[in-house]
Every structure is written in structure tokens, then in C-alpha cells.
Amino acid sequence: MITKKQIDDFLKTESNRNLWIEILENLVIQQMEREIDILTNSPKERYERVLKRSPQLFQEIPNRHIANYLRMSPETLSRLKKS
């Protein structure tokens, strides 16, 4: 755990502040890309994209959580995995 004071101290230097901004920008971009993916792609395309990017995910995380992340029902994810 980190305290607010530790964060403030870390952000006092310009290089750390720039690093922090870069990290936040990357997080926002990733979230926007995920939202675009969910809104524009079919469930099958979303499943295939995650499978290609992180195949080990399906070994480590329960299907219901993956389905929730992909905004589809667990039944839909199960059908996609079988096909």
C-alpha cells in the first residue's frame, strides 16, 4: 500500500510526473479501445481477439469472468469456444 504523501513525493520530480501522465494516458487509450471493440465488434470477434492476445487467460480465469469482461453471456462464450 502507498500513502497519499508518498504519491505526492513521487510526483514532485518532473520525470516522475511525466511517467505518471504517460501511464494514465495509456490506461485511458486501452479503455477507449476496449469500449470501441465492444461496441463495434461481434461477440465472436471479441472472443477471437482476446484468445489471440492472451490465450493463457482461458486457463487461469473462470469463463463467467471472461464472458463478463467481453460483455456476453457465459452461454455465448461457451458456444464460441466449442466452434
N, C-alpha and C. Protein backbone atom coordinates (compact mmCIF):
# COMPACT_ATOMS: atom_id res chain seq x y z
N MET A 1 0.84 -1.17 0.00
CA MET A 1 0.00 0.00 0.00
C MET A 1 0.89 1.24 0.00
N ILE A 2 0.39 2.28 -0.59
CA ILE A 2 1.14 3.53 -0.67
C ILE A 2 0.25 4.67 -0.15
N THR A 3 0.89 5.59 0.55
CA THR A 3 0.12 6.69 1.12
C THR A 3 0.02 7.85 0.13
N LYS A 4 -0.89 8.73 0.41
CA LYS A 4 -1.05 9.94 -0.42
C LYS A 4 0.23 10.76 -0.41
N LYS A 5 0.86 10.87 0.74
CA LYS A 5 2.11 11.63 0.85
C LYS A 5 3.21 11.01 -0.02
N GLN A 6 3.29 9.68 -0.03
CA GLN A 6 4.28 9.01 -0.87
C GLN A 6 4.03 9.29 -2.36
N ILE A 7 2.79 9.29 -2.74
CA ILE A 7 2.45 9.62 -4.13
C ILE A 7 2.84 11.06 -4.43
N ASP A 8 2.48 11.96 -3.53
CA ASP A 8 2.83 13.37 -3.73
C ASP A 8 4.34 13.57 -3.82
N ASP A 9 5.07 12.89 -2.96
CA ASP A 9 6.53 12.99 -3.01
C ASP A 9 7.08 12.44 -4.32
N PHE A 10 6.52 11.34 -4.78
CA PHE A 10 6.95 10.74 -6.04
C PHE A 10 6.71 11.70 -7.21
N LEU A 11 5.58 12.40 -7.18
CA LEU A 11 5.21 13.27 -8.29
C LEU A 11 5.88 14.64 -8.24
N LYS A 12 6.73 14.88 -7.26
CA LYS A 12 7.41 16.18 -7.17
C LYS A 12 8.43 16.38 -8.28
N THR A 13 9.05 15.30 -8.73
CA THR A 13 10.03 15.45 -9.81
C THR A 13 9.32 15.41 -11.15
N GLU A 14 9.84 16.18 -12.07
CA GLU A 14 9.20 16.28 -13.38
C GLU A 14 9.23 14.96 -14.14
N SER A 15 10.33 14.23 -14.03
CA SER A 15 10.42 12.95 -14.75
C SER A 15 9.39 11.95 -14.24
N ASN A 16 9.19 11.91 -12.92
CA ASN A 16 8.17 11.02 -12.36
C ASN A 16 6.77 11.47 -12.74
N ARG A 17 6.55 12.77 -12.75
CA ARG A 17 5.25 13.30 -13.14
C ARG A 17 4.95 12.94 -14.59
N ASN A 18 5.95 13.07 -15.46
CA ASN A 18 5.78 12.72 -16.88
C ASN A 18 5.49 11.23 -17.05
N LEU A 19 6.20 10.40 -16.27
CA LEU A 19 5.95 8.97 -16.30
C LEU A 19 4.52 8.66 -15.87
N TRP A 20 4.07 9.30 -14.81
CA TRP A 20 2.72 9.10 -14.31
C TRP A 20 1.68 9.50 -15.36
N ILE A 21 1.88 10.60 -16.01
CA ILE A 21 0.96 11.06 -17.06
C ILE A 21 0.94 10.07 -18.22
N GLU A 22 2.11 9.57 -18.60
CA GLU A 22 2.18 8.60 -19.69
C GLU A 22 1.43 7.31 -19.33
N ILE A 23 1.59 6.86 -18.10
CA ILE A 23 0.87 5.66 -17.65
C ILE A 23 -0.63 5.89 -17.70
N LEU A 24 -1.08 7.03 -17.20
CA LEU A 24 -2.52 7.33 -17.22
C LEU A 24 -3.05 7.45 -18.65
N GLU A 25 -2.28 8.08 -19.53
CA GLU A 25 -2.71 8.19 -20.92
C GLU A 25 -2.87 6.82 -21.55
N ASN A 26 -1.92 5.92 -21.28
CA ASN A 26 -2.00 4.56 -21.83
C ASN A 26 -3.22 3.82 -21.30
N LEU A 27 -3.51 3.99 -20.04
CA LEU A 27 -4.69 3.35 -19.47
C LEU A 27 -5.98 3.86 -20.11
N VAL A 28 -6.05 5.15 -20.34
CA VAL A 28 -7.25 5.72 -20.97
C VAL A 28 -7.38 5.21 -22.40
N ILE A 29 -6.29 5.16 -23.14
CA ILE A 29 -6.32 4.66 -24.51
C ILE A 29 -6.76 3.20 -24.55
N GLN A 30 -6.22 2.38 -23.65
CA GLN A 30 -6.62 0.97 -23.60
C GLN A 30 -8.11 0.83 -23.30
N GLN A 31 -8.61 1.64 -22.39
CA GLN A 31 -10.03 1.57 -22.05
C GLN A 31 -10.90 2.01 -23.24
N MET A 32 -10.47 3.05 -23.93
CA MET A 32 -11.22 3.51 -25.11
C MET A 32 -11.22 2.44 -26.19
N GLU A 33 -10.08 1.79 -26.42
CA GLU A 33 -10.01 0.73 -27.42
C GLU A 33 -10.92 -0.43 -27.05
N ARG A 34 -10.97 -0.77 -25.77
CA ARG A 34 -11.86 -1.84 -25.32
C ARG A 34 -13.32 -1.46 -25.57
N GLU A 35 -13.70 -0.25 -25.24
CA GLU A 35 -15.07 0.19 -25.46
C GLU A 35 -15.43 0.18 -26.94
N ILE A 36 -14.54 0.65 -27.78
CA ILE A 36 -14.77 0.63 -29.23
C ILE A 36 -14.94 -0.81 -29.71
N ASP A 37 -14.06 -1.69 -29.22
CA ASP A 37 -14.12 -3.10 -29.59
C ASP A 37 -15.46 -3.71 -29.20
N ILE A 38 -15.91 -3.42 -28.00
CA ILE A 38 -17.18 -3.98 -27.52
C ILE A 38 -18.37 -3.44 -28.30
N LEU A 39 -18.31 -2.17 -28.66
CA LEU A 39 -19.44 -1.55 -29.35
C LEU A 39 -19.49 -1.87 -30.83
N THR A 40 -18.35 -2.18 -31.45
CA THR A 40 -18.33 -2.34 -32.91
C THR A 40 -18.13 -3.76 -33.39
N ASN A 41 -17.62 -4.64 -32.54
CA ASN A 41 -17.33 -6.00 -32.99
C ASN A 41 -18.36 -6.99 -32.45
N SER A 42 -18.50 -8.07 -33.18
CA SER A 42 -19.41 -9.14 -32.77
C SER A 42 -18.80 -9.90 -31.60
N PRO A 43 -19.61 -10.66 -30.87
CA PRO A 43 -19.05 -11.47 -29.78
C PRO A 43 -17.94 -12.40 -30.26
N LYS A 44 -18.10 -12.98 -31.44
CA LYS A 44 -17.08 -13.88 -31.97
C LYS A 44 -15.76 -13.14 -32.19
N GLU A 45 -15.82 -11.94 -32.76
CA GLU A 45 -14.61 -11.15 -32.99
C GLU A 45 -13.93 -10.77 -31.67
N ARG A 46 -14.75 -10.41 -30.68
CA ARG A 46 -14.18 -10.06 -29.37
C ARG A 46 -13.50 -11.27 -28.74
N TYR A 47 -14.15 -12.43 -28.82
CA TYR A 47 -13.57 -13.65 -28.28
C TYR A 47 -12.24 -13.98 -28.97
N GLU A 48 -12.23 -13.92 -30.29
CA GLU A 48 -11.02 -14.26 -31.05
C GLU A 48 -9.88 -13.29 -30.74
N ARG A 49 -10.21 -12.03 -30.55
CA ARG A 49 -9.19 -11.03 -30.24
C ARG A 49 -8.53 -11.33 -28.88
N VAL A 50 -9.35 -11.63 -27.89
CA VAL A 50 -8.81 -11.95 -26.56
C VAL A 50 -8.03 -13.26 -26.61
N LEU A 51 -8.55 -14.24 -27.32
CA LEU A 51 -7.86 -15.53 -27.44
C LEU A 51 -6.49 -15.36 -28.08
N LYS A 52 -6.42 -14.53 -29.11
CA LYS A 52 -5.15 -14.29 -29.79
C LYS A 52 -4.18 -13.51 -28.89
N ARG A 53 -4.69 -12.52 -28.19
CA ARG A 53 -3.84 -11.65 -27.36
C ARG A 53 -3.39 -12.35 -26.08
N SER A 54 -4.27 -13.14 -25.46
CA SER A 54 -3.96 -13.74 -24.16
C SER A 54 -4.54 -15.14 -24.05
N PRO A 55 -3.98 -16.10 -24.76
CA PRO A 55 -4.55 -17.46 -24.72
C PRO A 55 -4.50 -18.09 -23.33
N GLN A 56 -3.50 -17.75 -22.54
CA GLN A 56 -3.37 -18.31 -21.20
C GLN A 56 -4.49 -17.86 -20.28
N LEU A 57 -5.13 -16.75 -20.61
CA LEU A 57 -6.22 -16.22 -19.81
C LEU A 57 -7.31 -17.27 -19.60
N PHE A 58 -7.58 -18.05 -20.64
CA PHE A 58 -8.66 -19.03 -20.58
C PHE A 58 -8.30 -20.22 -19.69
N GLN A 59 -7.03 -20.35 -19.34
CA GLN A 59 -6.59 -21.40 -18.41
C GLN A 59 -6.63 -20.92 -16.97
N GLU A 60 -6.56 -19.60 -16.78
CA GLU A 60 -6.38 -19.04 -15.44
C GLU A 60 -7.63 -18.40 -14.85
N ILE A 61 -8.55 -17.94 -15.71
CA ILE A 61 -9.72 -17.18 -15.26
C ILE A 61 -10.99 -17.96 -15.58
N PRO A 62 -11.93 -18.02 -14.65
CA PRO A 62 -13.20 -18.71 -14.94
C PRO A 62 -13.94 -18.07 -16.12
N ASN A 63 -14.61 -18.92 -16.89
CA ASN A 63 -15.31 -18.44 -18.09
C ASN A 63 -16.33 -17.35 -17.79
N ARG A 64 -17.00 -17.43 -16.66
CA ARG A 64 -18.02 -16.42 -16.36
C ARG A 64 -17.40 -15.03 -16.24
N HIS A 65 -16.16 -14.96 -15.73
CA HIS A 65 -15.49 -13.66 -15.62
C HIS A 65 -15.04 -13.16 -17.00
N ILE A 66 -14.56 -14.07 -17.82
CA ILE A 66 -14.16 -13.69 -19.18
C ILE A 66 -15.38 -13.22 -19.96
N ALA A 67 -16.48 -13.94 -19.84
CA ALA A 67 -17.72 -13.55 -20.52
C ALA A 67 -18.17 -12.18 -20.06
N ASN A 68 -18.10 -11.93 -18.77
CA ASN A 68 -18.48 -10.63 -18.24
C ASN A 68 -17.59 -9.53 -18.81
N TYR A 69 -16.29 -9.77 -18.86
CA TYR A 69 -15.34 -8.81 -19.42
C TYR A 69 -15.67 -8.52 -20.88
N LEU A 70 -16.04 -9.56 -21.62
CA LEU A 70 -16.36 -9.41 -23.04
C LEU A 70 -17.80 -8.96 -23.28
N ARG A 71 -18.54 -8.77 -22.19
CA ARG A 71 -19.94 -8.34 -22.24
C ARG A 71 -20.79 -9.28 -23.09
N MET A 72 -20.70 -10.54 -22.71
CA MET A 72 -21.55 -11.55 -23.33
C MET A 72 -21.95 -12.55 -22.24
N SER A 73 -22.94 -13.34 -22.53
CA SER A 73 -23.37 -14.33 -21.54
C SER A 73 -22.36 -15.48 -21.51
N PRO A 74 -22.27 -16.18 -20.39
CA PRO A 74 -21.39 -17.36 -20.33
C PRO A 74 -21.77 -18.41 -21.37
N GLU A 75 -23.07 -18.51 -21.67
CA GLU A 75 -23.52 -19.47 -22.69
C GLU A 75 -22.98 -19.11 -24.07
N THR A 76 -22.97 -17.81 -24.38
CA THR A 76 -22.44 -17.37 -25.67
C THR A 76 -20.95 -17.69 -25.75
N LEU A 77 -20.22 -17.41 -24.69
CA LEU A 77 -18.78 -17.72 -24.66
C LEU A 77 -18.56 -19.22 -24.84
N SER A 78 -19.37 -20.03 -24.17
CA SER A 78 -19.24 -21.49 -24.29
C SER A 78 -19.46 -21.93 -25.71
N ARG A 79 -20.48 -21.40 -26.38
CA ARG A 79 -20.74 -21.76 -27.78
C ARG A 79 -19.58 -21.34 -28.67
N LEU A 80 -19.01 -20.16 -28.43
CA LEU A 80 -17.89 -19.69 -29.24
C LEU A 80 -16.66 -20.58 -29.05
N LYS A 81 -16.42 -21.01 -27.84
CA LYS A 81 -15.27 -21.87 -27.56
C LYS A 81 -15.41 -23.22 -28.24
N LYS A 82 -16.65 -23.71 -28.37
CA LYS A 82 -16.89 -25.02 -28.98
C LYS A 82 -16.74 -24.96 -30.50
N SER A 83 -17.01 -23.79 -31.08
CA SER A 83 -16.97 -23.71 -32.57
C SER A 83 -15.57 -23.45 -33.09
